[in-house]
Amino acid sequence: MKSKSNPFQMMLVFLALACLPGGLQAQDKGEIGVFAGGVKMFLDEAIAPHIGGNVLLSVRRRIMIGPEIYLAPGDRFRRVNVVGRFEYSLYDKGALRPYVVAAGGFFRELDKQIDYVHYEELYGGGLGLKIRIKRLELVSEAMLGNNELPRLSFGARFAF
């Protein structure tokens, strides 16, 4: 019997390999964080809460990349998103640090009414603001994407 892999599993493997030691040139800096907020997955659905986390590693002085996983349990749909993030800090000194973000990956969605699961690509971009207090960062972010209309997040990150 031949085993089939789905896009969700392939994305998890890709993100794990991308973050292994030695995969990046400058691993002396990074951020790990959690976030929560609201996302509108469909125009005719209410805003659903979401919660997740990310690990970002510094590639260059203002560029960070890494995986992000978040859950969005809606009234009808339950979604698990796995994406790769790219962040570019517009300014990296001082307490206020604005940035732009781009993300792409896959999501797994369960339609609870008909017990149907499907996978689909996910990509988008947006703006964010970090407020840095020593190594703690308070983060707010707004993103638009092909399957999120929009996603607003608030969270905290620890810079290492």
N, C-alpha and C. Protein backbone atom coordinates (compact mmCIF):
# COMPACT_ATOMS: atom_id res chain seq x y z
N MET A 1 0.84 -1.18 0.00
CA MET A 1 0.00 0.00 0.00
C MET A 1 0.89 1.24 0.00
N LYS A 2 0.61 2.16 -0.88
CA LYS A 2 1.41 3.36 -1.02
C LYS A 2 0.86 4.47 -0.13
N SER A 3 1.74 5.12 0.63
CA SER A 3 1.34 6.20 1.53
C SER A 3 1.35 7.52 0.77
N LYS A 4 0.30 8.32 0.94
CA LYS A 4 0.22 9.62 0.29
C LYS A 4 0.53 10.70 1.32
N SER A 5 1.32 11.69 0.95
CA SER A 5 1.56 12.82 1.85
C SER A 5 0.69 13.97 1.38
N ASN A 6 0.23 14.76 2.33
CA ASN A 6 -0.59 15.90 1.97
C ASN A 6 0.23 17.18 2.07
N PRO A 7 -0.24 18.28 1.52
CA PRO A 7 0.53 19.53 1.53
C PRO A 7 0.83 20.03 2.94
N PHE A 8 -0.07 19.80 3.88
CA PHE A 8 0.12 20.24 5.25
C PHE A 8 1.35 19.57 5.86
N GLN A 9 1.50 18.26 5.67
CA GLN A 9 2.65 17.53 6.19
C GLN A 9 3.94 17.98 5.51
N MET A 10 3.89 18.19 4.20
CA MET A 10 5.08 18.63 3.48
C MET A 10 5.53 20.01 3.97
N MET A 11 4.59 20.92 4.26
CA MET A 11 4.95 22.25 4.74
C MET A 11 5.58 22.17 6.12
N LEU A 12 5.07 21.30 7.00
CA LEU A 12 5.66 21.13 8.32
C LEU A 12 7.11 20.67 8.21
N VAL A 13 7.37 19.70 7.35
CA VAL A 13 8.73 19.19 7.16
C VAL A 13 9.63 20.29 6.60
N PHE A 14 9.15 21.04 5.61
CA PHE A 14 9.93 22.13 5.02
C PHE A 14 10.30 23.17 6.06
N LEU A 15 9.33 23.59 6.88
CA LEU A 15 9.60 24.62 7.89
C LEU A 15 10.56 24.11 8.95
N ALA A 16 10.44 22.85 9.33
CA ALA A 16 11.35 22.29 10.33
C ALA A 16 12.79 22.26 9.78
N LEU A 17 12.96 21.84 8.53
CA LEU A 17 14.30 21.79 7.93
C LEU A 17 14.89 23.18 7.74
N ALA A 18 14.06 24.16 7.42
CA ALA A 18 14.55 25.52 7.21
C ALA A 18 15.10 26.14 8.48
N CYS A 19 14.64 25.67 9.63
CA CYS A 19 15.06 26.27 10.89
C CYS A 19 16.12 25.46 11.63
N LEU A 20 16.64 24.40 11.02
CA LEU A 20 17.69 23.63 11.66
C LEU A 20 18.96 24.47 11.77
N PRO A 21 19.77 24.22 12.81
CA PRO A 21 21.04 24.95 12.91
C PRO A 21 21.89 24.73 11.66
N GLY A 22 22.53 25.79 11.21
CA GLY A 22 23.33 25.72 10.00
C GLY A 22 22.56 26.11 8.76
N GLY A 23 21.24 26.22 8.85
CA GLY A 23 20.43 26.58 7.70
C GLY A 23 20.48 28.06 7.38
N LEU A 24 20.86 28.87 8.35
CA LEU A 24 20.93 30.31 8.16
C LEU A 24 22.34 30.80 8.45
N GLN A 25 22.70 31.93 7.89
CA GLN A 25 24.04 32.43 8.08
C GLN A 25 24.22 33.17 9.40
N ALA A 26 23.22 33.86 9.88
CA ALA A 26 23.36 34.64 11.11
C ALA A 26 22.33 34.17 12.12
N GLN A 27 22.73 33.25 12.99
CA GLN A 27 21.79 32.71 13.96
C GLN A 27 22.02 33.26 15.36
N ASP A 28 22.71 34.36 15.46
CA ASP A 28 23.01 34.90 16.78
C ASP A 28 21.86 35.73 17.35
N LYS A 29 20.75 35.86 16.63
CA LYS A 29 19.64 36.69 17.07
C LYS A 29 18.34 36.10 16.55
N GLY A 30 17.32 36.20 17.34
CA GLY A 30 16.01 35.72 16.91
C GLY A 30 14.94 36.16 17.88
N GLU A 31 13.72 35.73 17.60
CA GLU A 31 12.57 36.07 18.45
C GLU A 31 11.65 34.85 18.51
N ILE A 32 11.05 34.64 19.66
CA ILE A 32 10.05 33.60 19.82
C ILE A 32 8.83 34.28 20.46
N GLY A 33 7.64 33.98 19.96
CA GLY A 33 6.48 34.70 20.46
C GLY A 33 5.17 33.95 20.36
N VAL A 34 4.19 34.51 21.03
CA VAL A 34 2.81 34.04 20.98
C VAL A 34 1.93 35.23 20.62
N PHE A 35 0.77 34.94 20.02
CA PHE A 35 -0.14 36.02 19.63
C PHE A 35 -1.57 35.50 19.62
N ALA A 36 -2.48 36.43 19.63
CA ALA A 36 -3.92 36.13 19.55
C ALA A 36 -4.59 37.31 18.88
N GLY A 37 -5.81 37.08 18.40
CA GLY A 37 -6.53 38.16 17.76
C GLY A 37 -7.77 37.65 17.07
N GLY A 38 -8.12 38.31 15.98
CA GLY A 38 -9.31 37.94 15.23
C GLY A 38 -9.01 37.86 13.74
N VAL A 39 -9.72 36.97 13.05
CA VAL A 39 -9.55 36.80 11.62
C VAL A 39 -10.91 36.59 10.98
N LYS A 40 -11.12 37.18 9.83
CA LYS A 40 -12.35 36.99 9.07
C LYS A 40 -11.99 36.08 7.91
N MET A 41 -12.38 34.81 8.02
CA MET A 41 -11.99 33.83 7.01
C MET A 41 -12.87 33.89 5.76
N PHE A 42 -14.16 34.18 5.94
CA PHE A 42 -15.08 34.27 4.82
C PHE A 42 -15.93 35.52 4.99
N LEU A 43 -16.33 36.12 3.87
CA LEU A 43 -17.10 37.36 3.95
C LEU A 43 -18.43 37.18 4.67
N ASP A 44 -19.04 35.99 4.56
CA ASP A 44 -20.33 35.77 5.19
C ASP A 44 -20.23 35.15 6.58
N GLU A 45 -19.02 35.00 7.11
CA GLU A 45 -18.81 34.45 8.45
C GLU A 45 -18.44 35.57 9.41
N ALA A 46 -18.69 35.34 10.67
CA ALA A 46 -18.28 36.29 11.71
C ALA A 46 -16.76 36.24 11.89
N ILE A 47 -16.22 37.24 12.56
CA ILE A 47 -14.80 37.24 12.87
C ILE A 47 -14.53 36.13 13.88
N ALA A 48 -13.54 35.29 13.57
CA ALA A 48 -13.19 34.16 14.43
C ALA A 48 -11.93 34.49 15.22
N PRO A 49 -11.83 34.02 16.45
CA PRO A 49 -10.59 34.23 17.19
C PRO A 49 -9.48 33.33 16.64
N HIS A 50 -8.26 33.73 16.85
CA HIS A 50 -7.13 32.87 16.51
C HIS A 50 -6.05 33.01 17.56
N ILE A 51 -5.24 31.97 17.69
CA ILE A 51 -4.14 31.96 18.65
C ILE A 51 -3.00 31.17 18.02
N GLY A 52 -1.77 31.60 18.26
CA GLY A 52 -0.65 30.90 17.65
C GLY A 52 0.69 31.32 18.20
N GLY A 53 1.71 30.88 17.51
CA GLY A 53 3.07 31.20 17.91
C GLY A 53 4.00 31.18 16.72
N ASN A 54 5.17 31.79 16.90
CA ASN A 54 6.16 31.82 15.84
C ASN A 54 7.57 31.85 16.41
N VAL A 55 8.51 31.44 15.59
CA VAL A 55 9.93 31.50 15.89
C VAL A 55 10.58 32.16 14.69
N LEU A 56 11.25 33.29 14.92
CA LEU A 56 11.88 34.02 13.83
C LEU A 56 13.38 34.08 14.07
N LEU A 57 14.14 33.82 13.04
CA LEU A 57 15.59 33.87 13.11
C LEU A 57 16.10 34.97 12.21
N SER A 58 17.13 35.67 12.69
CA SER A 58 17.69 36.77 11.94
C SER A 58 18.59 36.26 10.82
N VAL A 59 18.34 36.75 9.62
CA VAL A 59 19.15 36.40 8.47
C VAL A 59 20.13 37.53 8.18
N ARG A 60 19.66 38.72 8.24
CA ARG A 60 20.45 39.95 8.09
C ARG A 60 20.03 40.90 9.20
N ARG A 61 20.60 42.07 9.20
CA ARG A 61 20.35 43.03 10.29
C ARG A 61 18.88 43.33 10.49
N ARG A 62 18.12 43.51 9.44
CA ARG A 62 16.70 43.85 9.56
C ARG A 62 15.75 42.78 9.02
N ILE A 63 16.27 41.66 8.57
CA ILE A 63 15.44 40.62 7.95
C ILE A 63 15.36 39.41 8.87
N MET A 64 14.13 38.94 9.10
CA MET A 64 13.90 37.76 9.91
C MET A 64 12.97 36.81 9.16
N ILE A 65 13.23 35.50 9.28
CA ILE A 65 12.36 34.50 8.68
C ILE A 65 12.09 33.40 9.70
N GLY A 66 11.01 32.68 9.50
CA GLY A 66 10.72 31.56 10.38
C GLY A 66 9.31 31.06 10.22
N PRO A 67 9.01 29.96 10.90
CA PRO A 67 7.68 29.37 10.82
C PRO A 67 6.70 30.01 11.79
N GLU A 68 5.43 29.90 11.43
CA GLU A 68 4.34 30.38 12.29
C GLU A 68 3.20 29.37 12.18
N ILE A 69 2.64 29.03 13.31
CA ILE A 69 1.50 28.11 13.35
C ILE A 69 0.41 28.78 14.16
N TYR A 70 -0.82 28.79 13.63
CA TYR A 70 -1.92 29.33 14.41
C TYR A 70 -3.22 28.62 14.11
N LEU A 71 -4.10 28.62 15.10
CA LEU A 71 -5.39 27.95 15.05
C LEU A 71 -6.49 29.00 15.01
N ALA A 72 -7.52 28.74 14.21
CA ALA A 72 -8.68 29.63 14.13
C ALA A 72 -9.95 28.78 14.24
N PRO A 73 -10.46 28.61 15.46
CA PRO A 73 -11.69 27.81 15.63
C PRO A 73 -12.93 28.68 15.46
N GLY A 74 -13.56 28.60 14.30
CA GLY A 74 -14.76 29.39 14.03
C GLY A 74 -16.02 28.61 14.37
N ASP A 75 -17.18 29.24 14.18
CA ASP A 75 -18.46 28.58 14.45
C ASP A 75 -18.67 27.37 13.54
N ARG A 76 -18.36 27.52 12.27
CA ARG A 76 -18.57 26.42 11.32
C ARG A 76 -17.26 25.76 10.90
N PHE A 77 -16.21 26.56 10.78
CA PHE A 77 -14.94 26.06 10.27
C PHE A 77 -13.88 26.06 11.37
N ARG A 78 -13.02 25.05 11.36
CA ARG A 78 -11.86 25.00 12.26
C ARG A 78 -10.63 24.91 11.37
N ARG A 79 -9.72 25.88 11.53
CA ARG A 79 -8.57 25.98 10.64
C ARG A 79 -7.26 25.92 11.43
N VAL A 80 -6.28 25.21 10.85
CA VAL A 80 -4.91 25.19 11.35
C VAL A 80 -4.03 25.71 10.22
N ASN A 81 -3.29 26.78 10.49
CA ASN A 81 -2.45 27.41 9.47
C ASN A 81 -0.98 27.18 9.80
N VAL A 82 -0.22 26.82 8.80
CA VAL A 82 1.24 26.67 8.93
C VAL A 82 1.85 27.49 7.80
N VAL A 83 2.58 28.53 8.17
CA VAL A 83 3.15 29.43 7.17
C VAL A 83 4.60 29.74 7.49
N GLY A 84 5.31 30.14 6.47
CA GLY A 84 6.64 30.70 6.63
C GLY A 84 6.51 32.22 6.58
N ARG A 85 7.21 32.90 7.45
CA ARG A 85 7.14 34.37 7.54
C ARG A 85 8.43 35.01 7.08
N PHE A 86 8.29 36.18 6.51
CA PHE A 86 9.42 37.04 6.17
C PHE A 86 9.10 38.41 6.75
N GLU A 87 9.97 38.92 7.62
CA GLU A 87 9.77 40.25 8.21
C GLU A 87 10.94 41.15 7.86
N TYR A 88 10.62 42.38 7.50
CA TYR A 88 11.64 43.39 7.26
C TYR A 88 11.36 44.58 8.17
N SER A 89 12.28 44.85 9.08
CA SER A 89 12.14 45.98 10.00
C SER A 89 12.50 47.27 9.27
N LEU A 90 11.59 48.23 9.33
CA LEU A 90 11.85 49.52 8.70
C LEU A 90 12.84 50.33 9.51
N TYR A 91 12.85 50.08 10.82
CA TYR A 91 13.75 50.78 11.73
C TYR A 91 14.04 49.84 12.88
N ASP A 92 15.29 49.61 13.20
CA ASP A 92 15.62 48.62 14.22
C ASP A 92 16.33 49.20 15.45
N LYS A 93 16.18 50.46 15.70
CA LYS A 93 16.74 51.10 16.89
C LYS A 93 15.59 51.74 17.68
N GLY A 94 15.76 51.86 18.97
CA GLY A 94 14.76 52.52 19.80
C GLY A 94 13.65 51.58 20.22
N ALA A 95 12.66 52.13 20.89
CA ALA A 95 11.57 51.33 21.45
C ALA A 95 10.50 50.98 20.41
N LEU A 96 10.21 51.88 19.46
CA LEU A 96 9.19 51.62 18.44
C LEU A 96 9.86 51.12 17.17
N ARG A 97 9.42 49.93 16.71
CA ARG A 97 10.05 49.31 15.55
C ARG A 97 8.99 48.84 14.55
N PRO A 98 8.63 49.65 13.56
CA PRO A 98 7.67 49.22 12.54
C PRO A 98 8.31 48.20 11.59
N TYR A 99 7.47 47.33 11.02
CA TYR A 99 7.96 46.33 10.09
C TYR A 99 6.88 45.97 9.08
N VAL A 100 7.32 45.39 7.96
CA VAL A 100 6.42 44.81 6.96
C VAL A 100 6.60 43.30 7.02
N VAL A 101 5.54 42.58 6.70
CA VAL A 101 5.58 41.13 6.79
C VAL A 101 4.93 40.52 5.55
N ALA A 102 5.50 39.41 5.10
CA ALA A 102 4.91 38.59 4.04
C ALA A 102 4.92 37.15 4.54
N ALA A 103 3.89 36.41 4.20
CA ALA A 103 3.79 35.02 4.68
C ALA A 103 3.16 34.15 3.59
N GLY A 104 3.54 32.89 3.60
CA GLY A 104 2.97 31.93 2.67
C GLY A 104 3.07 30.53 3.21
N GLY A 105 2.06 29.73 2.93
CA GLY A 105 2.06 28.36 3.40
C GLY A 105 0.76 27.67 3.05
N PHE A 106 0.29 26.83 3.97
CA PHE A 106 -0.91 26.05 3.76
C PHE A 106 -1.81 26.11 4.99
N PHE A 107 -3.08 25.81 4.79
CA PHE A 107 -3.95 25.59 5.94
C PHE A 107 -4.76 24.33 5.73
N ARG A 108 -5.15 23.76 6.85
CA ARG A 108 -6.04 22.59 6.89
C ARG A 108 -7.34 23.09 7.51
N GLU A 109 -8.43 22.88 6.82
CA GLU A 109 -9.71 23.41 7.30
C GLU A 109 -10.74 22.29 7.41
N LEU A 110 -11.42 22.26 8.53
CA LEU A 110 -12.50 21.30 8.76
C LEU A 110 -13.82 22.06 8.73
N ASP A 111 -14.72 21.65 7.85
CA ASP A 111 -16.08 22.18 7.83
C ASP A 111 -16.89 21.27 8.75
N LYS A 112 -17.22 21.77 9.94
CA LYS A 112 -17.87 20.95 10.96
C LYS A 112 -19.28 20.52 10.57
N GLN A 113 -19.97 21.29 9.76
CA GLN A 113 -21.34 20.94 9.37
C GLN A 113 -21.40 19.68 8.53
N ILE A 114 -20.45 19.52 7.63
CA ILE A 114 -20.50 18.37 6.73
C ILE A 114 -19.32 17.41 6.96
N ASP A 115 -18.51 17.66 7.98
CA ASP A 115 -17.36 16.82 8.33
C ASP A 115 -16.45 16.62 7.12
N TYR A 116 -16.03 17.74 6.53
CA TYR A 116 -15.19 17.72 5.34
C TYR A 116 -13.89 18.47 5.62
N VAL A 117 -12.76 17.87 5.27
CA VAL A 117 -11.45 18.49 5.47
C VAL A 117 -10.84 18.78 4.11
N HIS A 118 -10.26 19.98 3.98
CA HIS A 118 -9.50 20.27 2.77
C HIS A 118 -8.29 21.11 3.12
N TYR A 119 -7.34 21.13 2.18
CA TYR A 119 -6.09 21.87 2.32
C TYR A 119 -6.04 22.91 1.21
N GLU A 120 -5.46 24.05 1.54
CA GLU A 120 -5.38 25.12 0.55
C GLU A 120 -4.16 25.99 0.85
N GLU A 121 -3.67 26.67 -0.19
CA GLU A 121 -2.53 27.57 0.01
C GLU A 121 -3.00 28.83 0.72
N LEU A 122 -2.06 29.48 1.37
CA LEU A 122 -2.34 30.69 2.13
C LEU A 122 -1.16 31.64 1.94
N TYR A 123 -1.44 32.87 1.55
CA TYR A 123 -0.38 33.86 1.44
C TYR A 123 -0.97 35.24 1.70
N GLY A 124 -0.11 36.14 2.12
CA GLY A 124 -0.57 37.49 2.41
C GLY A 124 0.56 38.37 2.88
N GLY A 125 0.20 39.56 3.27
CA GLY A 125 1.19 40.52 3.75
C GLY A 125 0.53 41.58 4.60
N GLY A 126 1.35 42.36 5.27
CA GLY A 126 0.80 43.41 6.11
C GLY A 126 1.87 44.22 6.80
N LEU A 127 1.42 44.92 7.82
CA LEU A 127 2.27 45.83 8.60
C LEU A 127 2.16 45.49 10.07
N GLY A 128 3.23 45.78 10.79
CA GLY A 128 3.22 45.55 12.23
C GLY A 128 4.05 46.59 12.94
N LEU A 129 3.91 46.60 14.26
CA LEU A 129 4.67 47.51 15.11
C LEU A 129 5.10 46.75 16.36
N LYS A 130 6.40 46.81 16.66
CA LYS A 130 6.95 46.21 17.87
C LYS A 130 7.28 47.34 18.83
N ILE A 131 6.90 47.15 20.08
CA ILE A 131 7.30 48.05 21.15
C ILE A 131 8.26 47.26 22.02
N ARG A 132 9.52 47.65 22.02
CA ARG A 132 10.56 46.88 22.70
C ARG A 132 10.85 47.43 24.09
N ILE A 133 10.82 46.53 25.07
CA ILE A 133 11.17 46.85 26.45
C ILE A 133 12.23 45.83 26.85
N LYS A 134 13.51 46.22 26.77
CA LYS A 134 14.65 45.32 26.95
C LYS A 134 14.54 44.17 25.95
N ARG A 135 14.35 42.93 26.40
CA ARG A 135 14.24 41.79 25.47
C ARG A 135 12.79 41.43 25.16
N LEU A 136 11.84 42.03 25.84
CA LEU A 136 10.42 41.78 25.60
C LEU A 136 9.91 42.72 24.52
N GLU A 137 9.13 42.17 23.59
CA GLU A 137 8.52 42.98 22.54
C GLU A 137 7.02 42.77 22.55
N LEU A 138 6.28 43.86 22.61
CA LEU A 138 4.83 43.82 22.44
C LEU A 138 4.57 44.09 20.97
N VAL A 139 3.78 43.23 20.34
CA VAL A 139 3.63 43.26 18.88
C VAL A 139 2.16 43.42 18.50
N SER A 140 1.88 44.31 17.58
CA SER A 140 0.55 44.40 16.96
C SER A 140 0.76 44.31 15.45
N GLU A 141 -0.20 43.64 14.76
CA GLU A 141 -0.01 43.38 13.35
C GLU A 141 -1.35 43.29 12.63
N ALA A 142 -1.38 43.77 11.40
CA ALA A 142 -2.55 43.66 10.52
C ALA A 142 -2.09 43.06 9.20
N MET A 143 -2.80 42.00 8.76
CA MET A 143 -2.45 41.34 7.50
C MET A 143 -3.69 41.11 6.65
N LEU A 144 -3.48 41.13 5.35
CA LEU A 144 -4.51 40.74 4.38
C LEU A 144 -3.93 39.60 3.55
N GLY A 145 -4.79 38.65 3.18
CA GLY A 145 -4.32 37.54 2.38
C GLY A 145 -5.42 36.97 1.52
N ASN A 146 -5.09 35.91 0.79
CA ASN A 146 -6.06 35.32 -0.12
C ASN A 146 -7.19 34.60 0.61
N ASN A 147 -6.98 34.17 1.85
CA ASN A 147 -8.02 33.49 2.61
C ASN A 147 -8.24 34.12 3.99
N GLU A 148 -7.80 35.33 4.17
CA GLU A 148 -8.00 36.04 5.43
C GLU A 148 -8.33 37.50 5.11
N LEU A 149 -9.44 37.96 5.61
CA LEU A 149 -9.96 39.28 5.20
C LEU A 149 -10.39 40.14 6.38
N PRO A 150 -9.64 40.69 7.19
CA PRO A 150 -8.21 40.63 7.45
C PRO A 150 -7.91 39.78 8.68
N ARG A 151 -6.64 39.80 9.09
CA ARG A 151 -6.21 39.15 10.34
C ARG A 151 -5.54 40.22 11.19
N LEU A 152 -6.05 40.42 12.39
CA LEU A 152 -5.46 41.37 13.34
C LEU A 152 -4.92 40.58 14.53
N SER A 153 -3.67 40.83 14.90
CA SER A 153 -3.04 40.07 15.97
C SER A 153 -2.35 40.99 16.97
N PHE A 154 -2.33 40.55 18.21
CA PHE A 154 -1.61 41.22 19.29
C PHE A 154 -0.87 40.14 20.06
N GLY A 155 0.36 40.41 20.44
CA GLY A 155 1.10 39.38 21.13
C GLY A 155 2.35 39.91 21.80
N ALA A 156 3.18 38.96 22.21
CA ALA A 156 4.45 39.28 22.86
C ALA A 156 5.51 38.34 22.32
N ARG A 157 6.72 38.86 22.21
CA ARG A 157 7.85 38.07 21.76
C ARG A 157 9.03 38.30 22.70
N PHE A 158 9.87 37.30 22.78
CA PHE A 158 11.10 37.39 23.53
C PHE A 158 12.24 37.35 22.54
N ALA A 159 13.09 38.37 22.58
CA ALA A 159 14.24 38.43 21.68
C ALA A 159 15.44 37.73 22.31
N PHE A 160 16.08 36.84 21.55
CA PHE A 160 17.25 36.13 22.08
C PHE A 160 18.45 36.31 21.18
